[in-house]
Structure formats: structure tokens, C-alpha cells
């Protein structure tokens, strides 16, 4: 599977949010790093077909995604940075609702819900209302919802936000396991979360793809100790990742 962007541009009035983005994603984990305003959210909204591009092409296996329509959307699992909950719903009811919206068969949904809840350590909390969940528990529940229907492309915006160190390790391992047969894009400001699992790192700044390489490639090329130093090398004048 290949997801390719060719000279993709997006403007908001006079502001250029994405300046001719070119990249080809294949199976594996891609970390997207950049400060607020770098274009990460715009990139994700274009890839999920939630935003209309101004110029360029986005191709899935050499076919324009606009022509694939619902077939393309079925291949995407998107976890936005912020998402509301029906707080009176239990965790399992919420996931059943998401499965219904995705058009999943009940038997398949039941199996996937159980498997995913167990993998993120929420099975024992499945009958609790989401309004009583901590921030970390909500994040893990969102990961479960994103994985329903087994999408081929996962787009995760700050998936470890609100998680404690132990929870982040569990999530990191889980994402690593999923990468064997999926394209996974992760935007995060916690560089240590992706340093050991990312196959490629893309650094964005002011709407441009500034640099891309494997973590090891960056360290060797720049003589840096870790990805935090790599990021600062390219974007040290920005306030945050």
C-alpha cells in the first residue's frame, strides 16, 4: 500500500498553510514533528479528506482519493487531538456506537471491541461511563475507536496526550505491533514516544517539509544524541514541537 502526496498546497486566505507538500508513505510508522502552525493539522485534515486542498494530488495506490470517496474513507482510522464524548455512555456503548457508524457487523464489532479494550487495559472498565474516565483513559478509548474496522491507514494526532509514563510505554508497544501491515502517521510533541518506534521522521516548519530521514539516519548525519536535538537543529527558534 502507498499513500502519496504530490505538490499539495493549502491556503487560508493570505496564509499558506501547506507549501507544495511531496511525500510517499508506505507501511510503517511516520512521526510528524513541528511547532504549532507548522502545518501538521492541515496535513492530517487533507489526508482524511476533511479539508479541500487548493492544488496537488493525493493518491492511494496511484488512484486519486477524490475518486475513491467512501472506499478511501473506510481505509482511514483518524484520532484527532481533541474529541468530545457522550459522557453518560459507557465505554463499551461508545465503541458499539462508533462501530455502528462505521457499518460494522455486530459479531465482528463485538470481537474487535473486546480485543482492543484488552490491549489498552480498559476491559475491566468497559461498563463505566466515559464521564468518569481520566484523561489517559479517554485517550486509550479513542485509540480503540480509531482501530475499529481494522483500517489500513492510521492517523494519530497526539495519541499519548494525558497518558502517564507507564501508559505511554503500553501504547507505544501497541502501535509498534500494528505497524507491520499499516501506514501509521503520528503527530506528537513528546519526541521520546516515537524515537524507538518510528521508521521515518518528518520535520515540518511553516507549511514546508523541512527534512525527513530515519531516526538513526538523522543522528548519524547531524551527529546528535537524540531526536530532541535533531528537532532543535532544524526548528530551534520555534517555541515547541
C-alpha atoms as a PDB file:
ATOM      1  CA  UNK A   1       0.000   0.000   0.000  1.00  0.00           C
ATOM      2  CA  UNK A   2       1.183   3.507  -0.832  1.00  0.00           C
ATOM      3  CA  UNK A   3      -0.285   6.897   0.131  1.00  0.00           C
ATOM      4  CA  UNK A   4       1.286   9.664  -1.896  1.00  0.00           C
ATOM      5  CA  UNK A   5       1.045  13.464  -1.848  1.00  0.00           C
ATOM      6  CA  UNK A   6       2.148  15.342  -4.949  1.00  0.00           C
ATOM      7  CA  UNK A   7       2.685  19.117  -4.700  1.00  0.00           C
ATOM      8  CA  UNK A   8      -0.233  19.531  -2.268  1.00  0.00           C
ATOM      9  CA  UNK A   9      -0.972  23.132  -1.309  1.00  0.00           C
ATOM     10  CA  UNK A  10      -3.466  24.704   1.081  1.00  0.00           C
ATOM     11  CA  UNK A  11      -4.149  28.347   1.885  1.00  0.00           C
ATOM     12  CA  UNK A  12      -6.351  30.039   4.456  1.00  0.00           C
ATOM     13  CA  UNK A  13      -6.894  33.446   2.909  1.00  0.00           C
ATOM     14  CA  UNK A  14      -3.449  35.003   2.585  1.00  0.00           C
ATOM     15  CA  UNK A  15      -1.855  32.409   4.864  1.00  0.00           C
ATOM     16  CA  UNK A  16      -0.160  29.477   3.139  1.00  0.00           C
ATOM     17  CA  UNK A  17      -0.656  26.501   5.468  1.00  0.00           C
ATOM     18  CA  UNK A  18       0.950  23.884   3.219  1.00  0.00           C
ATOM     19  CA  UNK A  19       3.535  24.766   0.580  1.00  0.00           C
ATOM     20  CA  UNK A  20       3.771  22.113  -2.106  1.00  0.00           C
ATOM     21  CA  UNK A  21       3.990  19.036   0.110  1.00  0.00           C
ATOM     22  CA  UNK A  22       5.520  15.971  -1.555  1.00  0.00           C
ATOM     23  CA  UNK A  23       5.917  12.598   0.139  1.00  0.00           C
ATOM     24  CA  UNK A  24       5.105   8.914  -0.322  1.00  0.00           C
ATOM     25  CA  UNK A  25       4.023   6.861   2.694  1.00  0.00           C
ATOM     26  CA  UNK A  26       4.235   3.075   2.734  1.00  0.00           C
ATOM     27  CA  UNK A  27       3.771   0.537   5.541  1.00  0.00           C
ATOM     28  CA  UNK A  28       5.468   1.660   8.724  1.00  0.00           C
ATOM     29  CA  UNK A  29       5.421   4.400  11.350  1.00  0.00           C
ATOM     30  CA  UNK A  30       5.973   8.036  10.411  1.00  0.00           C
ATOM     31  CA  UNK A  31       6.480  10.662  13.103  1.00  0.00           C
ATOM     32  CA  UNK A  32       5.431  14.184  12.129  1.00  0.00           C
ATOM     33  CA  UNK A  33       7.222  16.853  14.169  1.00  0.00           C
ATOM     34  CA  UNK A  34       6.683  20.597  14.062  1.00  0.00           C
ATOM     35  CA  UNK A  35       5.632  23.549  16.196  1.00  0.00           C
ATOM     36  CA  UNK A  36       2.062  24.842  16.314  1.00  0.00           C
ATOM     37  CA  UNK A  37       1.328  26.334  12.910  1.00  0.00           C
ATOM     38  CA  UNK A  38       3.810  24.092  11.107  1.00  0.00           C
ATOM     39  CA  UNK A  39       1.017  22.513   9.057  1.00  0.00           C
ATOM     40  CA  UNK A  40       0.596  19.162  10.826  1.00  0.00           C
ATOM     41  CA  UNK A  41      -3.151  19.520  11.424  1.00  0.00           C
ATOM     42  CA  UNK A  42      -3.718  20.803   7.896  1.00  0.00           C
ATOM     43  CA  UNK A  43      -1.814  17.815   6.527  1.00  0.00           C
ATOM     44  CA  UNK A  44      -3.908  15.398   8.586  1.00  0.00           C
ATOM     45  CA  UNK A  45      -7.191  17.047   7.596  1.00  0.00           C
ATOM     46  CA  UNK A  46      -6.235  16.796   3.932  1.00  0.00           C
ATOM     47  CA  UNK A  47      -5.229  13.150   4.263  1.00  0.00           C
ATOM     48  CA  UNK A  48      -8.534  12.311   5.959  1.00  0.00           C
ATOM     49  CA  UNK A  49     -10.444  14.193   3.243  1.00  0.00           C
ATOM     50  CA  UNK A  50     -11.925  16.533   5.857  1.00  0.00           C
ATOM     51  CA  UNK A  51     -10.463  19.562   4.102  1.00  0.00           C
ATOM     52  CA  UNK A  52     -10.410  20.603   0.466  1.00  0.00           C
ATOM     53  CA  UNK A  53      -6.938  21.169  -0.967  1.00  0.00           C
ATOM     54  CA  UNK A  54      -6.158  24.085  -3.283  1.00  0.00           C
ATOM     55  CA  UNK A  55      -3.677  22.299  -5.512  1.00  0.00           C
ATOM     56  CA  UNK A  56      -1.949  18.953  -5.911  1.00  0.00           C
ATOM     57  CA  UNK A  57      -2.859  15.288  -5.777  1.00  0.00           C
ATOM     58  CA  UNK A  58      -3.320  12.697  -3.036  1.00  0.00           C
ATOM     59  CA  UNK A  59      -3.120   9.134  -4.330  1.00  0.00           C
ATOM     60  CA  UNK A  60      -3.817   5.781  -2.708  1.00  0.00           C
ATOM     61  CA  UNK A  61      -2.036   3.090  -4.703  1.00  0.00           C
ATOM     62  CA  UNK A  62      -1.809   5.536  -7.631  1.00  0.00           C
ATOM     63  CA  UNK A  63      -5.547   6.354  -7.580  1.00  0.00           C
ATOM     64  CA  UNK A  64      -6.779   9.849  -6.672  1.00  0.00           C
ATOM     65  CA  UNK A  65      -8.594   9.650  -3.320  1.00  0.00           C
ATOM     66  CA  UNK A  66     -11.338  12.002  -4.517  1.00  0.00           C
ATOM     67  CA  UNK A  67     -12.430   9.333  -6.983  1.00  0.00           C
ATOM     68  CA  UNK A  68     -12.387   6.613  -4.305  1.00  0.00           C
ATOM     69  CA  UNK A  69     -14.779   8.531  -1.992  1.00  0.00           C
ATOM     70  CA  UNK A  70     -16.243   6.242   0.707  1.00  0.00           C
ATOM     71  CA  UNK A  71     -13.888   3.414  -0.210  1.00  0.00           C
ATOM     72  CA  UNK A  72     -10.962   5.649   0.748  1.00  0.00           C
ATOM     73  CA  UNK A  73     -12.546   6.817   3.986  1.00  0.00           C
ATOM     74  CA  UNK A  74     -13.043   3.198   5.004  1.00  0.00           C
ATOM     75  CA  UNK A  75      -9.284   2.687   4.864  1.00  0.00           C
ATOM     76  CA  UNK A  76      -8.613   5.581   7.274  1.00  0.00           C
ATOM     77  CA  UNK A  77      -8.601   5.495  11.064  1.00  0.00           C
ATOM     78  CA  UNK A  78      -8.301   9.057  12.400  1.00  0.00           C
ATOM     79  CA  UNK A  79      -7.729  10.038  16.020  1.00  0.00           C
ATOM     80  CA  UNK A  80      -7.966  13.844  16.325  1.00  0.00           C
ATOM     81  CA  UNK A  81      -6.190  15.705  19.094  1.00  0.00           C
ATOM     82  CA  UNK A  82      -9.450  16.708  20.746  1.00  0.00           C
ATOM     83  CA  UNK A  83     -12.706  14.800  20.560  1.00  0.00           C
ATOM     84  CA  UNK A  84     -15.903  15.038  22.547  1.00  0.00           C
ATOM     85  CA  UNK A  85     -17.635  12.184  24.336  1.00  0.00           C
ATOM     86  CA  UNK A  86     -21.202  11.383  25.249  1.00  0.00           C
ATOM     87  CA  UNK A  87     -20.290  11.351  28.922  1.00  0.00           C
ATOM     88  CA  UNK A  88     -23.299   9.300  30.028  1.00  0.00           C
ATOM     89  CA  UNK A  89     -22.305   6.481  27.673  1.00  0.00           C
ATOM     90  CA  UNK A  90     -20.302   3.571  28.981  1.00  0.00           C
ATOM     91  CA  UNK A  91     -17.031   2.779  27.242  1.00  0.00           C
ATOM     92  CA  UNK A  92     -18.456  -0.281  25.542  1.00  0.00           C
ATOM     93  CA  UNK A  93     -21.615   1.567  24.437  1.00  0.00           C
ATOM     94  CA  UNK A  94     -19.460   4.306  22.940  1.00  0.00           C
ATOM     95  CA  UNK A  95     -17.433   1.784  20.941  1.00  0.00           C
ATOM     96  CA  UNK A  96     -20.589  -0.028  19.823  1.00  0.00           C
ATOM     97  CA  UNK A  97     -21.926   3.311  18.592  1.00  0.00           C
ATOM     98  CA  UNK A  98     -18.706   4.026  16.670  1.00  0.00           C
ATOM     99  CA  UNK A  99     -18.839   0.523  15.166  1.00  0.00           C
ATOM    100  CA  UNK A 100     -22.441   1.166  14.081  1.00  0.00           C
ATOM    101  CA  UNK A 101     -21.426   4.436  12.390  1.00  0.00           C
ATOM    102  CA  UNK A 102     -18.683   2.547  10.557  1.00  0.00           C
ATOM    103  CA  UNK A 103     -21.214  -0.002   9.315  1.00  0.00           C
ATOM    104  CA  UNK A 104     -19.595  -2.960  11.051  1.00  0.00           C
ATOM    105  CA  UNK A 105     -21.392  -6.258  11.571  1.00  0.00           C
ATOM    106  CA  UNK A 106     -22.299  -6.835  15.219  1.00  0.00           C
ATOM    107  CA  UNK A 107     -20.356 -10.068  15.534  1.00  0.00           C
ATOM    108  CA  UNK A 108     -17.205  -8.513  14.076  1.00  0.00           C
ATOM    109  CA  UNK A 109     -17.588  -5.366  16.173  1.00  0.00           C
ATOM    110  CA  UNK A 110     -18.053  -7.364  19.377  1.00  0.00           C
ATOM    111  CA  UNK A 111     -14.847  -9.297  18.778  1.00  0.00           C
ATOM    112  CA  UNK A 112     -12.776  -6.238  17.843  1.00  0.00           C
ATOM    113  CA  UNK A 113     -14.079  -4.192  20.773  1.00  0.00           C
ATOM    114  CA  UNK A 114     -13.098  -6.873  23.260  1.00  0.00           C
ATOM    115  CA  UNK A 115      -9.665  -7.378  21.705  1.00  0.00           C
ATOM    116  CA  UNK A 116      -8.855  -3.671  21.573  1.00  0.00           C
ATOM    117  CA  UNK A 117     -10.120  -2.875  25.073  1.00  0.00           C
ATOM    118  CA  UNK A 118      -7.964  -5.646  26.491  1.00  0.00           C
ATOM    119  CA  UNK A 119      -4.885  -4.457  24.624  1.00  0.00           C
ATOM    120  CA  UNK A 120      -5.149  -0.944  26.084  1.00  0.00           C
ATOM    121  CA  UNK A 121      -6.085  -2.221  29.565  1.00  0.00           C
ATOM    122  CA  UNK A 122      -9.676  -0.920  29.581  1.00  0.00           C
ATOM    123  CA  UNK A 123     -11.601  -4.185  29.527  1.00  0.00           C
ATOM    124  CA  UNK A 124     -12.330  -4.089  33.258  1.00  0.00           C
ATOM    125  CA  UNK A 125     -13.663  -0.535  32.849  1.00  0.00           C
ATOM    126  CA  UNK A 126     -15.929  -1.258  29.890  1.00  0.00           C
ATOM    127  CA  UNK A 127     -19.163  -0.622  31.805  1.00  0.00           C
ATOM    128  CA  UNK A 128     -18.002   2.653  33.357  1.00  0.00           C
ATOM    129  CA  UNK A 129     -19.328   5.930  31.988  1.00  0.00           C
ATOM    130  CA  UNK A 130     -16.818   7.880  29.935  1.00  0.00           C
ATOM    131  CA  UNK A 131     -17.583  10.974  32.013  1.00  0.00           C
ATOM    132  CA  UNK A 132     -15.815   9.274  34.920  1.00  0.00           C
ATOM    133  CA  UNK A 133     -12.719   8.438  32.861  1.00  0.00           C
ATOM    134  CA  UNK A 134      -9.393  10.163  33.434  1.00  0.00           C
ATOM    135  CA  UNK A 135      -7.714  11.952  30.539  1.00  0.00           C
ATOM    136  CA  UNK A 136      -5.457   8.964  29.953  1.00  0.00           C
ATOM    137  CA  UNK A 137      -8.362   6.527  29.926  1.00  0.00           C
ATOM    138  CA  UNK A 138     -10.148   8.685  27.364  1.00  0.00           C
ATOM    139  CA  UNK A 139      -7.099   8.692  25.130  1.00  0.00           C
ATOM    140  CA  UNK A 140      -6.901   4.910  25.269  1.00  0.00           C
ATOM    141  CA  UNK A 141     -10.604   4.662  24.460  1.00  0.00           C
ATOM    142  CA  UNK A 142     -10.098   6.927  21.442  1.00  0.00           C
ATOM    143  CA  UNK A 143      -7.331   4.632  20.237  1.00  0.00           C
ATOM    144  CA  UNK A 144      -9.779   1.709  20.462  1.00  0.00           C
ATOM    145  CA  UNK A 145     -12.374   3.620  18.451  1.00  0.00           C
ATOM    146  CA  UNK A 146      -9.810   4.545  15.801  1.00  0.00           C
ATOM    147  CA  UNK A 147      -8.836   0.898  15.334  1.00  0.00           C
ATOM    148  CA  UNK A 148     -12.373  -0.388  14.783  1.00  0.00           C
ATOM    149  CA  UNK A 149     -12.928  -1.933  11.320  1.00  0.00           C
ATOM    150  CA  UNK A 150      -9.166  -2.524  11.048  1.00  0.00           C
ATOM    151  CA  UNK A 151      -8.222   0.498   8.876  1.00  0.00           C
ATOM    152  CA  UNK A 152      -5.114   0.268   6.704  1.00  0.00           C
ATOM    153  CA  UNK A 153      -4.031   3.844   7.441  1.00  0.00           C
ATOM    154  CA  UNK A 154      -3.903   5.252  10.979  1.00  0.00           C
ATOM    155  CA  UNK A 155      -3.577   8.994  11.530  1.00  0.00           C
ATOM    156  CA  UNK A 156      -2.953   9.788  15.192  1.00  0.00           C
ATOM    157  CA  UNK A 157      -2.796  13.371  16.467  1.00  0.00           C
ATOM    158  CA  UNK A 158      -1.101  13.480  19.898  1.00  0.00           C
ATOM    159  CA  UNK A 159      -2.188   9.923  20.848  1.00  0.00           C
ATOM    160  CA  UNK A 160      -0.219   9.923  24.117  1.00  0.00           C
ATOM    161  CA  UNK A 161      -1.593  13.224  25.425  1.00  0.00           C
ATOM    162  CA  UNK A 162      -2.726  12.806  29.024  1.00  0.00           C
ATOM    163  CA  UNK A 163      -1.079   9.419  29.491  1.00  0.00           C
ATOM    164  CA  UNK A 164       1.299   8.724  32.351  1.00  0.00           C
ATOM    165  CA  UNK A 165       4.758   7.250  31.535  1.00  0.00           C
ATOM    166  CA  UNK A 166       3.603   3.649  32.051  1.00  0.00           C
ATOM    167  CA  UNK A 167       0.556   4.136  29.815  1.00  0.00           C
ATOM    168  CA  UNK A 168       2.737   5.728  27.134  1.00  0.00           C
ATOM    169  CA  UNK A 169       5.001   2.674  27.088  1.00  0.00           C
ATOM    170  CA  UNK A 170       1.986   0.356  26.647  1.00  0.00           C
ATOM    171  CA  UNK A 171       0.589   2.496  23.831  1.00  0.00           C
ATOM    172  CA  UNK A 172       3.988   2.745  22.152  1.00  0.00           C
ATOM    173  CA  UNK A 173       4.368  -1.036  22.096  1.00  0.00           C
ATOM    174  CA  UNK A 174       0.850  -1.478  20.765  1.00  0.00           C
ATOM    175  CA  UNK A 175       1.413   0.991  17.924  1.00  0.00           C
ATOM    176  CA  UNK A 176       4.665  -0.780  17.117  1.00  0.00           C
ATOM    177  CA  UNK A 177       2.810  -4.077  16.750  1.00  0.00           C
ATOM    178  CA  UNK A 178       0.224  -2.507  14.440  1.00  0.00           C
ATOM    179  CA  UNK A 179       2.825  -1.096  12.057  1.00  0.00           C
ATOM    180  CA  UNK A 180       3.543  -4.467  10.435  1.00  0.00           C
ATOM    181  CA  UNK A 181       0.662  -4.115   7.990  1.00  0.00           C
ATOM    182  CA  UNK A 182      -0.427  -0.470   8.265  1.00  0.00           C
ATOM    183  CA  UNK A 183       0.643   3.036   7.375  1.00  0.00           C
ATOM    184  CA  UNK A 184       0.761   4.941  10.678  1.00  0.00           C
ATOM    185  CA  UNK A 185       1.232   8.710  10.932  1.00  0.00           C
ATOM    186  CA  UNK A 186       1.786  10.192  14.390  1.00  0.00           C
ATOM    187  CA  UNK A 187       1.938  13.868  15.306  1.00  0.00           C
ATOM    188  CA  UNK A 188       3.364  14.349  18.784  1.00  0.00           C
ATOM    189  CA  UNK A 189       5.265  16.826  20.929  1.00  0.00           C
ATOM    190  CA  UNK A 190       6.693  14.014  23.091  1.00  0.00           C
ATOM    191  CA  UNK A 191       9.670  13.079  20.934  1.00  0.00           C
ATOM    192  CA  UNK A 192      10.697  10.190  23.191  1.00  0.00           C
ATOM    193  CA  UNK A 193       7.391   8.467  22.384  1.00  0.00           C
ATOM    194  CA  UNK A 194       8.358   7.922  18.764  1.00  0.00           C
ATOM    195  CA  UNK A 195      12.143   7.754  18.880  1.00  0.00           C
ATOM    196  CA  UNK A 196      12.244   3.964  19.273  1.00  0.00           C
ATOM    197  CA  UNK A 197       9.307   3.023  17.025  1.00  0.00           C
ATOM    198  CA  UNK A 198       9.328   5.484  14.099  1.00  0.00           C
ATOM    199  CA  UNK A 199      10.641   4.207  10.786  1.00  0.00           C
ATOM    200  CA  UNK A 200      10.778   7.740   9.411  1.00  0.00           C
ATOM    201  CA  UNK A 201      10.655  11.207  10.951  1.00  0.00           C
ATOM    202  CA  UNK A 202       9.263  14.183   9.020  1.00  0.00           C
ATOM    203  CA  UNK A 203      10.077  17.655  10.327  1.00  0.00           C
ATOM    204  CA  UNK A 204       7.713  20.438   9.270  1.00  0.00           C
ATOM    205  CA  UNK A 205       8.092  24.186   9.614  1.00  0.00           C
ATOM    206  CA  UNK A 206       5.781  26.941   8.382  1.00  0.00           C
ATOM    207  CA  UNK A 207       3.939  24.672   5.981  1.00  0.00           C
ATOM    208  CA  UNK A 208       7.006  23.035   4.491  1.00  0.00           C
ATOM    209  CA  UNK A 209       8.547  19.594   4.803  1.00  0.00           C
ATOM    210  CA  UNK A 210      11.946  20.711   6.055  1.00  0.00           C
ATOM    211  CA  UNK A 211      13.661  17.329   6.399  1.00  0.00           C
ATOM    212  CA  UNK A 212      12.927  13.613   6.560  1.00  0.00           C
ATOM    213  CA  UNK A 213      15.000  10.569   7.453  1.00  0.00           C
ATOM    214  CA  UNK A 214      15.057   7.566   9.756  1.00  0.00           C
ATOM    215  CA  UNK A 215      15.870   8.354  13.411  1.00  0.00           C
ATOM    216  CA  UNK A 216      19.255   6.653  13.026  1.00  0.00           C
ATOM    217  CA  UNK A 217      19.859   8.492   9.759  1.00  0.00           C
ATOM    218  CA  UNK A 218      19.257  11.867  11.390  1.00  0.00           C
ATOM    219  CA  UNK A 219      21.529  11.083  14.343  1.00  0.00           C
ATOM    220  CA  UNK A 220      24.361   9.915  12.119  1.00  0.00           C
ATOM    221  CA  UNK A 221      24.019  12.737   9.613  1.00  0.00           C
ATOM    222  CA  UNK A 222      23.884  15.521  12.202  1.00  0.00           C
ATOM    223  CA  UNK A 223      25.991  13.946  14.936  1.00  0.00           C
ATOM    224  CA  UNK A 224      23.224  14.362  17.514  1.00  0.00           C
ATOM    225  CA  UNK A 225      22.462  12.248  20.587  1.00  0.00           C
ATOM    226  CA  UNK A 226      18.673  12.075  20.220  1.00  0.00           C
ATOM    227  CA  UNK A 227      15.714  13.279  18.165  1.00  0.00           C
ATOM    228  CA  UNK A 228      15.090  16.181  20.526  1.00  0.00           C
ATOM    229  CA  UNK A 229      18.454  17.596  19.475  1.00  0.00           C
ATOM    230  CA  UNK A 230      17.644  16.878  15.830  1.00  0.00           C
ATOM    231  CA  UNK A 231      14.406  18.819  16.117  1.00  0.00           C
ATOM    232  CA  UNK A 232      16.157  21.744  17.788  1.00  0.00           C
ATOM    233  CA  UNK A 233      18.731  21.748  14.997  1.00  0.00           C
ATOM    234  CA  UNK A 234      16.034  22.400  12.410  1.00  0.00           C
ATOM    235  CA  UNK A 235      13.453  24.306  14.437  1.00  0.00           C
ATOM    236  CA  UNK A 236      15.300  25.693  17.447  1.00  0.00           C
ATOM    237  CA  UNK A 237      13.737  29.112  17.001  1.00  0.00           C
ATOM    238  CA  UNK A 238      10.232  27.627  17.381  1.00  0.00           C
ATOM    239  CA  UNK A 239       8.699  27.515  20.841  1.00  0.00           C
ATOM    240  CA  UNK A 240       7.547  23.887  20.905  1.00  0.00           C
ATOM    241  CA  UNK A 241       7.401  20.666  18.932  1.00  0.00           C
END
